[in-house]
């Protein structure tokens, strides 16, 4: 939260899953639902799960993620692309994209879940914070660890294997954060994207510790002075 249009908060509810067989992780978490709240000038909220969308701006509307649809309210416009993603636009200056990840025949370690992205942050101010908001107006550079003896990496698109990403760090706010290059499939496996992963629960990447960002419930707007970095 934190923006030129006051009162927008995004919360995610987590679901746990066991690690795949022979996996190095003992436990994994995913977004089971994402809630977008707009409190000013009038209260409205959007709740998204892998199967349904609930829009409430005084009147409650329930939509299926299995059918494409476009609906609007006084402050929110919601576009559903069947079984693919949900786009939320707030007054034309803020846009969020929520990807839907669903498995046809899931294994015990596979859970239907969501991904969250900011596609338009024009209406978000320099006071934005939270797990993603804190990076919107920060200079973040990919560079080589000064203690590494490997040659400097190429551009983002030139780095094409986890081996060549060894020794890479993200430089931000005076911190150096080790990262590892990986590829992930989105849009139900139809598209592959490059990602940089920070280990140890994003230690040094985010302000504070990850536990500082926990909300008490999906509609928590974090108005308490004790919330600190969570917003």
Protein backbone atom coordinates (compact mmCIF):
# COMPACT_ATOMS: atom_id res chain seq x y z
CA UNK A 1 0.00 0.00 0.00
CA UNK A 2 0.95 3.68 -0.19
CA UNK A 3 -0.14 5.60 -3.28
CA UNK A 4 -1.47 8.84 -4.71
CA UNK A 5 -4.98 7.39 -4.41
CA UNK A 6 -5.10 6.66 -0.66
CA UNK A 7 -6.53 3.49 0.78
CA UNK A 8 -5.43 0.59 -1.46
CA UNK A 9 -4.14 -2.56 0.22
CA UNK A 10 -3.30 -5.99 -1.23
CA UNK A 11 -3.14 -9.09 0.98
CA UNK A 12 -2.42 -12.71 0.08
CA UNK A 13 -3.49 -15.84 1.94
CA UNK A 14 -0.99 -18.71 1.90
CA UNK A 15 -1.44 -22.44 1.52
CA UNK A 16 1.26 -24.99 2.32
CA UNK A 17 2.45 -27.93 0.24
CA UNK A 18 4.99 -30.71 0.81
CA UNK A 19 8.16 -30.77 -1.25
CA UNK A 20 8.38 -32.97 -4.36
CA UNK A 21 10.14 -36.33 -3.97
CA UNK A 22 13.91 -35.86 -3.70
CA UNK A 23 13.40 -32.11 -3.51
CA UNK A 24 15.76 -29.92 -1.49
CA UNK A 25 12.92 -27.97 0.13
CA UNK A 26 11.01 -29.47 3.03
CA UNK A 27 7.96 -27.24 2.69
CA UNK A 28 6.60 -24.74 0.16
CA UNK A 29 3.93 -22.04 0.25
CA UNK A 30 1.69 -20.55 -2.42
CA UNK A 31 -0.98 -17.86 -2.64
CA UNK A 32 -4.38 -19.49 -2.18
CA UNK A 33 -6.28 -16.20 -2.45
CA UNK A 34 -5.49 -12.53 -3.03
CA UNK A 35 -7.58 -9.65 -1.72
CA UNK A 36 -7.48 -6.10 -3.12
CA UNK A 37 -9.07 -3.48 -0.86
CA UNK A 38 -9.87 0.10 -1.81
CA UNK A 39 -11.08 2.08 1.20
CA UNK A 40 -11.26 5.66 -0.07
CA UNK A 41 -13.39 7.46 -1.02
CA UNK A 42 -15.76 4.45 -0.82
CA UNK A 43 -15.03 0.95 0.35
CA UNK A 44 -14.70 -1.79 -2.26
CA UNK A 45 -12.84 -5.06 -2.37
CA UNK A 46 -11.94 -7.85 -4.75
CA UNK A 47 -11.17 -11.41 -3.65
CA UNK A 48 -9.58 -13.82 -6.14
CA UNK A 49 -9.02 -17.57 -5.84
CA UNK A 50 -8.01 -20.05 -8.58
CA UNK A 51 -11.70 -20.78 -9.19
CA UNK A 52 -13.69 -17.63 -8.43
CA UNK A 53 -13.69 -13.85 -8.18
CA UNK A 54 -15.76 -11.87 -5.67
CA UNK A 55 -16.29 -8.16 -6.33
CA UNK A 56 -18.02 -6.09 -3.64
CA UNK A 57 -18.49 -2.33 -3.87
CA UNK A 58 -21.77 -2.24 -2.00
CA UNK A 59 -23.28 -5.01 -4.11
CA UNK A 60 -21.68 -8.46 -4.09
CA UNK A 61 -20.90 -10.12 -7.42
CA UNK A 62 -19.59 -13.70 -7.73
CA UNK A 63 -17.82 -14.71 -10.95
CA UNK A 64 -16.20 -17.94 -12.14
CA UNK A 65 -12.58 -18.04 -13.31
CA UNK A 66 -13.63 -20.59 -15.93
CA UNK A 67 -15.36 -17.95 -18.06
CA UNK A 68 -13.96 -14.73 -19.52
CA UNK A 69 -15.74 -11.58 -18.38
CA UNK A 70 -15.27 -7.84 -17.89
CA UNK A 71 -17.06 -6.05 -15.07
CA UNK A 72 -16.71 -2.60 -13.55
CA UNK A 73 -17.70 -0.68 -10.50
CA UNK A 74 -17.25 2.95 -9.51
CA UNK A 75 -13.58 2.47 -8.71
CA UNK A 76 -12.54 -0.98 -9.94
CA UNK A 77 -12.50 -2.61 -13.37
CA UNK A 78 -12.00 -6.37 -13.43
CA UNK A 79 -11.14 -8.45 -16.51
CA UNK A 80 -11.22 -12.24 -16.25
CA UNK A 81 -9.41 -14.30 -18.89
CA UNK A 82 -10.74 -17.82 -18.43
CA UNK A 83 -8.41 -20.11 -16.46
CA UNK A 84 -5.50 -17.74 -17.17
CA UNK A 85 -5.48 -14.45 -15.25
CA UNK A 86 -7.46 -11.66 -13.64
CA UNK A 87 -6.58 -8.00 -14.27
CA UNK A 88 -7.65 -5.33 -11.78
CA UNK A 89 -7.54 -1.64 -12.73
CA UNK A 90 -8.07 1.05 -10.09
CA UNK A 91 -9.10 4.42 -11.55
CA UNK A 92 -6.97 3.90 -14.60
CA UNK A 93 -3.64 4.53 -12.85
CA UNK A 94 -3.02 1.28 -10.95
CA UNK A 95 -3.22 -2.18 -12.50
CA UNK A 96 -2.59 -5.57 -10.93
CA UNK A 97 -2.37 -8.90 -12.78
CA UNK A 98 -3.21 -12.07 -10.88
CA UNK A 99 -2.12 -15.26 -12.66
CA UNK A 100 -4.12 -18.44 -12.16
CA UNK A 101 -2.10 -21.66 -11.80
CA UNK A 102 -4.25 -24.79 -11.91
CA UNK A 103 -3.23 -28.45 -12.29
CA UNK A 104 -5.32 -30.94 -14.24
CA UNK A 105 -4.12 -33.98 -12.27
CA UNK A 106 -2.20 -32.57 -9.30
CA UNK A 107 0.28 -34.60 -7.36
CA UNK A 108 0.18 -34.27 -3.54
CA UNK A 109 2.88 -31.58 -3.69
CA UNK A 110 1.06 -29.53 -6.39
CA UNK A 111 -1.51 -26.96 -5.31
CA UNK A 112 -3.68 -24.66 -7.37
CA UNK A 113 -2.43 -21.17 -6.60
CA UNK A 114 -2.08 -17.55 -7.73
CA UNK A 115 0.70 -15.21 -8.79
CA UNK A 116 0.61 -11.45 -8.28
CA UNK A 117 2.19 -8.72 -10.43
CA UNK A 118 2.01 -4.93 -10.67
CA UNK A 119 1.56 -4.09 -14.37
CA UNK A 120 0.92 -0.36 -13.92
CA UNK A 121 2.25 1.51 -10.90
CA UNK A 122 1.66 5.03 -12.21
CA UNK A 123 -0.74 5.80 -9.38
CA UNK A 124 1.57 4.39 -6.70
CA UNK A 125 3.65 6.96 -4.85
CA UNK A 126 7.16 6.86 -3.44
CA UNK A 127 5.66 5.98 -0.05
CA UNK A 128 4.48 2.59 -1.37
CA UNK A 129 5.71 -0.32 0.69
CA UNK A 130 5.09 -4.00 1.26
CA UNK A 131 6.72 -7.08 -0.24
CA UNK A 132 6.51 -5.59 -3.74
CA UNK A 133 5.68 -1.93 -3.20
CA UNK A 134 8.98 -1.19 -1.48
CA UNK A 135 10.82 -1.80 -4.79
CA UNK A 136 8.69 0.36 -7.10
CA UNK A 137 10.78 3.51 -6.73
CA UNK A 138 14.11 1.90 -5.83
CA UNK A 139 17.10 1.51 -8.14
CA UNK A 140 17.87 -2.23 -8.34
CA UNK A 141 20.90 -3.38 -10.33
CA UNK A 142 22.17 -6.84 -11.22
CA UNK A 143 25.93 -7.01 -10.80
CA UNK A 144 28.78 -9.35 -10.01
CA UNK A 145 29.77 -10.21 -6.46
CA UNK A 146 33.03 -8.27 -5.89
CA UNK A 147 34.41 -11.34 -4.11
CA UNK A 148 33.66 -13.64 -7.05
CA UNK A 149 36.34 -14.46 -9.62
CA UNK A 150 33.91 -15.24 -12.42
CA UNK A 151 33.71 -12.89 -15.43
CA UNK A 152 30.97 -10.23 -15.24
CA UNK A 153 27.56 -11.47 -16.37
CA UNK A 154 25.92 -10.30 -19.60
CA UNK A 155 22.55 -8.68 -19.89
CA UNK A 156 19.42 -10.23 -18.40
CA UNK A 157 18.60 -12.05 -21.65
CA UNK A 158 22.16 -13.20 -22.18
CA UNK A 159 22.34 -15.08 -18.89
CA UNK A 160 20.91 -18.43 -19.89
CA UNK A 161 21.87 -21.00 -17.27
CA UNK A 162 22.08 -21.38 -13.49
CA UNK A 163 25.82 -22.01 -13.92
CA UNK A 164 26.49 -18.57 -15.43
CA UNK A 165 24.41 -16.93 -12.71
CA UNK A 166 26.79 -18.05 -9.95
CA UNK A 167 28.26 -15.04 -8.16
CA UNK A 168 25.48 -12.66 -9.24
CA UNK A 169 24.03 -10.20 -6.75
CA UNK A 170 21.29 -7.60 -6.70
CA UNK A 171 22.45 -4.19 -5.51
CA UNK A 172 19.85 -2.05 -3.76
CA UNK A 173 19.67 0.34 -0.80
CA UNK A 174 23.39 -0.18 -0.21
CA UNK A 175 22.94 -3.94 0.15
CA UNK A 176 24.30 -6.81 -1.93
CA UNK A 177 21.89 -9.75 -2.17
CA UNK A 178 23.08 -13.08 -3.69
CA UNK A 179 20.64 -14.34 -6.33
CA UNK A 180 20.32 -17.45 -8.49
CA UNK A 181 18.92 -17.52 -12.04
CA UNK A 182 16.04 -19.91 -12.73
CA UNK A 183 13.22 -20.34 -15.19
CA UNK A 184 9.57 -20.68 -14.29
CA UNK A 185 6.53 -21.56 -16.39
CA UNK A 186 3.45 -19.34 -16.23
CA UNK A 187 0.06 -19.30 -17.93
CA UNK A 188 -0.42 -22.98 -17.09
CA UNK A 189 2.96 -23.89 -18.52
CA UNK A 190 2.47 -22.13 -21.86
CA UNK A 191 5.14 -19.49 -21.27
CA UNK A 192 8.58 -19.64 -19.66
CA UNK A 193 10.11 -16.64 -17.93
CA UNK A 194 13.51 -15.82 -16.45
CA UNK A 195 13.64 -15.15 -12.71
CA UNK A 196 16.25 -14.24 -10.11
CA UNK A 197 15.75 -15.95 -6.76
CA UNK A 198 16.96 -14.63 -3.42
CA UNK A 199 17.53 -17.38 -0.86
CA UNK A 200 16.86 -17.50 2.90
CA UNK A 201 13.36 -16.03 2.77
CA UNK A 202 14.58 -12.98 0.83
CA UNK A 203 17.02 -12.07 3.59
CA UNK A 204 18.57 -8.62 2.90
CA UNK A 205 16.35 -8.19 -0.17
CA UNK A 206 13.30 -6.97 1.74
CA UNK A 207 13.24 -4.45 4.55
CA UNK A 208 13.10 -6.27 7.88
CA UNK A 209 12.19 -9.96 8.06
CA UNK A 210 9.44 -11.80 6.20
CA UNK A 211 7.44 -12.21 9.42
CA UNK A 212 7.03 -8.42 9.55
CA UNK A 213 4.70 -8.68 6.55
CA UNK A 214 2.18 -11.08 8.07
CA UNK A 215 -1.42 -9.84 8.20
CA UNK A 216 -3.95 -10.96 10.78
CA UNK A 217 -6.68 -11.61 8.16
CA UNK A 218 -7.30 -11.02 4.41
CA UNK A 219 -9.03 -7.69 5.03
CA UNK A 220 -6.33 -6.29 7.31
CA UNK A 221 -5.41 -2.78 6.08
CA UNK A 222 -2.49 -2.48 8.49
CA UNK A 223 -3.60 0.72 10.18
CA UNK A 224 -1.92 -0.33 13.42
CA UNK A 225 1.33 1.53 14.15
CA UNK A 226 2.93 -1.82 14.97
CA UNK A 227 2.57 -3.12 11.40
CA UNK A 228 5.82 -1.47 10.27
CA UNK A 229 7.20 -3.14 7.16
CA UNK A 230 4.17 -5.30 6.46
CA UNK A 231 2.44 -2.69 4.29
